[in-house]
Amino acid sequence: MSIHVIGVDAYALGWVGVELRDGAFGRAVLAASLYEIVANSSGAAVIGVDIPLGMLPDKWRAADTLAADQLGPRRGSIFRVPPRQVWMEADFAAANRLCRDLTGAGLSRQSWALRPKLLEANAIWERHPGLLFEAHPEVSFRTMAGEPLAYAKKTWAGQARRRELLARNGIVLPDQIGPAGQAPPDDILDAAAVAWSAHRMATGTALSHPSPPEETNGSKIAIWY
């Protein structure tokens, strides 16, 4: 039986996904919402998403600290995910105050900017347990390379290295990928790396930060790779 998985990355205009069939590139897709990708994912064993899934009630997640510690010069690509209630606030100022009250540290505007996509992804995750899981492309690439990557993903050298790592692992991205080619190159590479982790998830070979995952209200919180 063919193993069909999808890796998804959020970008400025929505979401970009890379589908793998038996570990090889199948197609790339663009969508305005994650709901659209999930609705058209018939037959996908799992869908990896580069966005935090699951928040703790009153503290930062262990997953983010552990993942950042593995990334060396790329650790800035990981942001700490504050407690669940922080995301329920109506504006950044209120969320920042609550984050300080609960954790002793403030919330970054970069994190807050992800709020709409984070809430969308978490609603789907809670509705379809076992289908979505959280991955982080830099963690995936670091695992493929066996070491932290020296160059950032928006640089020529960084993109060449990431494309090489994907190809070495059987994911050859064609030059022409249809409408998805309108997305930024680094987001397509990120989606492909998440898809690599999704294939590992589907075949039972994925690892996680932390291991075992943290648990809250019956849900397991971890970054898988």
Protein backbone atom coordinates (compact mmCIF):
# COMPACT_ATOMS: atom_id res chain seq x y z
CA MET A 1 0.00 0.00 0.00
CA SER A 2 1.27 3.46 -0.93
CA ILE A 3 2.09 5.79 1.97
CA HIS A 4 0.62 9.23 1.33
CA VAL A 5 1.57 12.12 3.64
CA ILE A 6 1.51 15.91 3.52
CA GLY A 7 3.82 18.54 4.99
CA VAL A 8 2.39 22.04 5.43
CA ASP A 9 4.01 25.39 6.10
CA ALA A 10 2.27 28.69 6.80
CA TYR A 11 3.26 31.63 4.63
CA ALA A 12 2.11 35.22 4.22
CA LEU A 13 -0.87 34.48 1.97
CA GLY A 14 -2.00 31.19 3.50
CA TRP A 15 -0.53 27.69 3.49
CA VAL A 16 1.71 25.70 1.16
CA GLY A 17 1.75 21.92 1.21
CA VAL A 18 4.03 19.24 -0.23
CA GLU A 19 2.61 15.77 -0.72
CA LEU A 20 4.81 12.67 -0.68
CA ARG A 21 3.95 9.24 -2.04
CA ASP A 22 6.14 6.52 -0.57
CA GLY A 23 8.63 9.19 0.45
CA ALA A 24 8.94 10.80 -3.00
CA PHE A 25 7.55 14.11 -4.23
CA GLY A 26 3.96 13.90 -5.42
CA ARG A 27 2.75 17.46 -5.80
CA ALA A 28 2.72 20.86 -4.13
CA VAL A 29 -0.44 22.80 -3.28
CA LEU A 30 -1.44 26.28 -2.15
CA ALA A 31 -4.47 27.05 -0.02
CA ALA A 32 -5.92 30.07 1.73
CA SER A 33 -6.75 27.96 4.79
CA LEU A 34 -5.49 24.82 6.45
CA TYR A 35 -9.08 23.57 6.45
CA GLU A 36 -8.89 23.46 2.64
CA ILE A 37 -5.77 21.30 2.65
CA VAL A 38 -7.25 18.92 5.22
CA ALA A 39 -10.54 18.69 3.30
CA ASN A 40 -8.63 17.66 0.15
CA SER A 41 -6.23 15.26 1.88
CA SER A 42 -8.21 12.07 1.28
CA GLY A 43 -5.97 9.09 1.85
CA ALA A 44 -3.24 10.97 3.73
CA ALA A 45 -1.99 8.95 6.66
CA VAL A 46 -0.80 12.07 8.52
CA ILE A 47 -0.37 15.78 7.91
CA GLY A 48 2.63 17.53 9.43
CA VAL A 49 2.20 21.21 10.22
CA ASP A 50 4.88 23.77 10.94
CA ILE A 51 2.89 25.55 13.62
CA PRO A 52 2.56 24.91 17.37
CA LEU A 53 -0.09 22.34 18.25
CA GLY A 54 -1.06 22.27 21.91
CA MET A 55 -0.44 24.75 24.72
CA LEU A 56 0.06 24.22 28.42
CA PRO A 57 -2.22 25.92 30.97
CA ASP A 58 0.34 28.01 32.86
CA LYS A 59 3.87 27.65 31.48
CA TRP A 60 6.10 27.49 28.40
CA ARG A 61 6.37 24.22 26.47
CA ALA A 62 9.41 21.97 26.85
CA ALA A 63 9.28 21.13 23.12
CA ASP A 64 10.42 24.58 22.03
CA THR A 65 13.38 24.82 24.39
CA LEU A 66 14.61 21.32 23.55
CA ALA A 67 14.28 21.88 19.81
CA ALA A 68 16.06 25.25 19.95
CA ASP A 69 18.95 23.68 21.87
CA GLN A 70 19.57 21.34 18.91
CA LEU A 71 19.68 24.02 16.23
CA GLY A 72 22.83 25.99 17.01
CA PRO A 73 22.89 29.07 14.74
CA ARG A 74 19.33 28.33 13.59
CA ARG A 75 17.83 28.39 17.10
CA GLY A 76 16.19 31.74 16.35
CA SER A 77 13.71 29.93 14.08
CA ILE A 78 12.03 28.45 17.18
CA PHE A 79 9.83 30.64 19.34
CA ARG A 80 8.55 29.73 22.77
CA VAL A 81 4.83 29.01 22.92
CA PRO A 82 3.09 30.70 25.86
CA PRO A 83 0.20 29.25 27.90
CA ARG A 84 -3.17 28.62 26.27
CA GLN A 85 -4.98 31.51 27.93
CA VAL A 86 -2.54 34.03 26.46
CA TRP A 87 -3.83 33.20 22.97
CA MET A 88 -7.40 33.86 24.05
CA GLU A 89 -6.76 37.56 24.70
CA ALA A 90 -8.17 40.09 22.24
CA ASP A 91 -5.04 42.13 21.57
CA PHE A 92 -1.27 42.00 21.89
CA ALA A 93 -1.03 44.32 24.91
CA ALA A 94 -3.41 42.19 26.97
CA ALA A 95 -1.76 38.97 25.82
CA ASN A 96 1.69 40.32 26.70
CA ARG A 97 0.55 41.32 30.20
CA LEU A 98 -1.01 37.93 30.86
CA CYS A 99 2.07 36.14 29.54
CA ARG A 100 4.24 38.10 32.00
CA ASP A 101 1.84 37.35 34.84
CA LEU A 102 1.85 33.62 34.12
CA THR A 103 5.45 33.02 33.09
CA GLY A 104 7.51 36.02 34.18
CA ALA A 105 8.44 36.81 30.57
CA GLY A 106 6.75 38.71 27.76
CA LEU A 107 5.31 37.61 24.44
CA SER A 108 6.98 38.52 21.15
CA ARG A 109 5.04 40.28 18.44
CA GLN A 110 6.31 37.64 16.00
CA SER A 111 4.58 34.97 18.06
CA TRP A 112 1.36 36.99 18.33
CA ALA A 113 1.29 37.47 14.56
CA LEU A 114 0.85 33.71 14.17
CA ARG A 115 -2.29 33.71 16.33
CA PRO A 116 -4.92 33.31 13.54
CA LYS A 117 -3.10 30.40 11.91
CA LEU A 118 -2.23 28.85 15.28
CA LEU A 119 -5.86 28.90 16.41
CA GLU A 120 -7.02 27.48 13.07
CA ALA A 121 -4.50 24.63 13.21
CA ASN A 122 -5.27 23.80 16.83
CA ALA A 123 -9.02 23.66 16.15
CA ILE A 124 -8.38 21.09 13.40
CA TRP A 125 -5.89 19.17 15.56
CA GLU A 126 -8.45 18.85 18.35
CA ARG A 127 -11.20 17.85 15.92
CA HIS A 128 -9.15 15.23 14.07
CA PRO A 129 -6.90 13.53 16.63
CA GLY A 130 -4.18 11.48 15.02
CA LEU A 131 -4.29 13.23 11.65
CA LEU A 132 -2.28 16.39 12.34
CA PHE A 133 1.02 16.56 14.18
CA GLU A 134 3.52 19.34 14.79
CA ALA A 135 6.89 19.42 13.05
CA HIS A 136 9.53 22.08 12.57
CA PRO A 137 11.48 22.22 9.30
CA GLU A 138 14.77 23.34 10.84
CA VAL A 139 14.62 20.38 13.23
CA SER A 140 13.89 18.10 10.26
CA PHE A 141 16.77 19.52 8.22
CA ARG A 142 19.11 19.32 11.21
CA THR A 143 18.22 15.63 11.56
CA MET A 144 18.85 14.98 7.86
CA ALA A 145 22.21 16.74 8.04
CA GLY A 146 23.33 15.28 11.36
CA GLU A 147 24.39 18.77 12.43
CA PRO A 148 22.99 22.31 12.63
CA LEU A 149 22.80 24.06 9.27
CA ALA A 150 25.35 26.83 8.79
CA TYR A 151 23.30 29.10 6.51
CA ALA A 152 19.85 30.62 6.96
CA LYS A 153 16.99 29.36 4.81
CA LYS A 154 16.58 32.62 2.85
CA THR A 155 20.18 32.61 1.61
CA TRP A 156 21.32 31.04 -1.67
CA ALA A 157 23.70 28.72 0.17
CA GLY A 158 21.04 27.82 2.71
CA GLN A 159 18.47 26.92 0.08
CA ALA A 160 20.96 24.92 -1.96
CA ARG A 161 21.92 22.93 1.14
CA ARG A 162 18.29 22.25 2.06
CA ARG A 163 17.41 21.14 -1.47
CA GLU A 164 20.44 18.84 -1.46
CA LEU A 165 19.38 17.29 1.85
CA LEU A 166 15.87 16.68 0.57
CA ALA A 167 17.18 15.06 -2.63
CA ARG A 168 19.54 12.88 -0.62
CA ASN A 169 16.46 11.63 1.24
CA GLY A 170 14.50 10.87 -1.91
CA ILE A 171 12.57 14.16 -2.18
CA VAL A 172 13.51 15.75 -5.50
CA LEU A 173 11.62 19.02 -5.96
CA PRO A 174 10.99 19.76 -9.65
CA ASP A 175 11.58 23.23 -11.03
CA GLN A 176 7.95 23.45 -12.13
CA ILE A 177 5.42 22.74 -9.37
CA GLY A 178 2.38 24.54 -10.74
CA PRO A 179 0.58 27.34 -8.85
CA ALA A 180 2.46 26.45 -5.64
CA GLY A 181 5.55 27.87 -7.33
CA GLN A 182 4.21 31.32 -6.45
CA ALA A 183 5.06 30.70 -2.79
CA PRO A 184 8.49 31.79 -1.47
CA PRO A 185 11.20 29.16 -2.04
CA ASP A 186 12.01 28.81 1.66
CA ASP A 187 8.37 28.03 2.49
CA ILE A 188 8.24 25.30 -0.15
CA LEU A 189 11.47 23.81 1.19
CA ASP A 190 10.07 24.00 4.72
CA ALA A 191 6.87 22.20 3.67
CA ALA A 192 8.97 19.47 2.02
CA ALA A 193 11.03 19.03 5.19
CA VAL A 194 7.86 18.72 7.26
CA ALA A 195 6.60 16.15 4.73
CA TRP A 196 9.82 14.18 5.30
CA SER A 197 8.99 14.10 9.00
CA ALA A 198 5.41 13.14 8.13
CA HIS A 199 6.70 10.10 6.23
CA ARG A 200 8.75 9.15 9.28
CA MET A 201 5.64 9.62 11.41
CA ALA A 202 3.58 7.38 9.13
CA THR A 203 6.25 4.66 9.14
CA GLY A 204 6.77 4.76 12.91
CA THR A 205 10.35 6.05 12.80
CA ALA A 206 9.80 9.64 13.98
CA LEU A 207 11.37 10.98 17.17
CA SER A 208 10.15 13.84 19.34
CA HIS A 209 11.13 16.77 21.53
CA PRO A 210 10.45 16.02 24.34
CA SER A 211 10.45 12.23 24.53
CA PRO A 212 7.97 11.21 25.76
CA PRO A 213 5.75 14.18 24.83
CA GLU A 214 4.23 16.44 27.46
CA GLU A 215 0.56 15.74 28.13
CA THR A 216 -2.33 18.04 28.95
CA ASN A 217 -6.03 17.19 28.91
CA GLY A 218 -5.25 13.92 27.17
CA SER A 219 -3.32 15.57 24.32
CA LYS A 220 0.38 14.99 23.66
CA ILE A 221 2.52 18.04 22.95
CA ALA A 222 5.77 17.57 21.06
CA ILE A 223 7.74 18.62 17.99
CA TRP A 224 8.20 15.50 15.86
CA TYR A 225 11.03 14.87 13.42
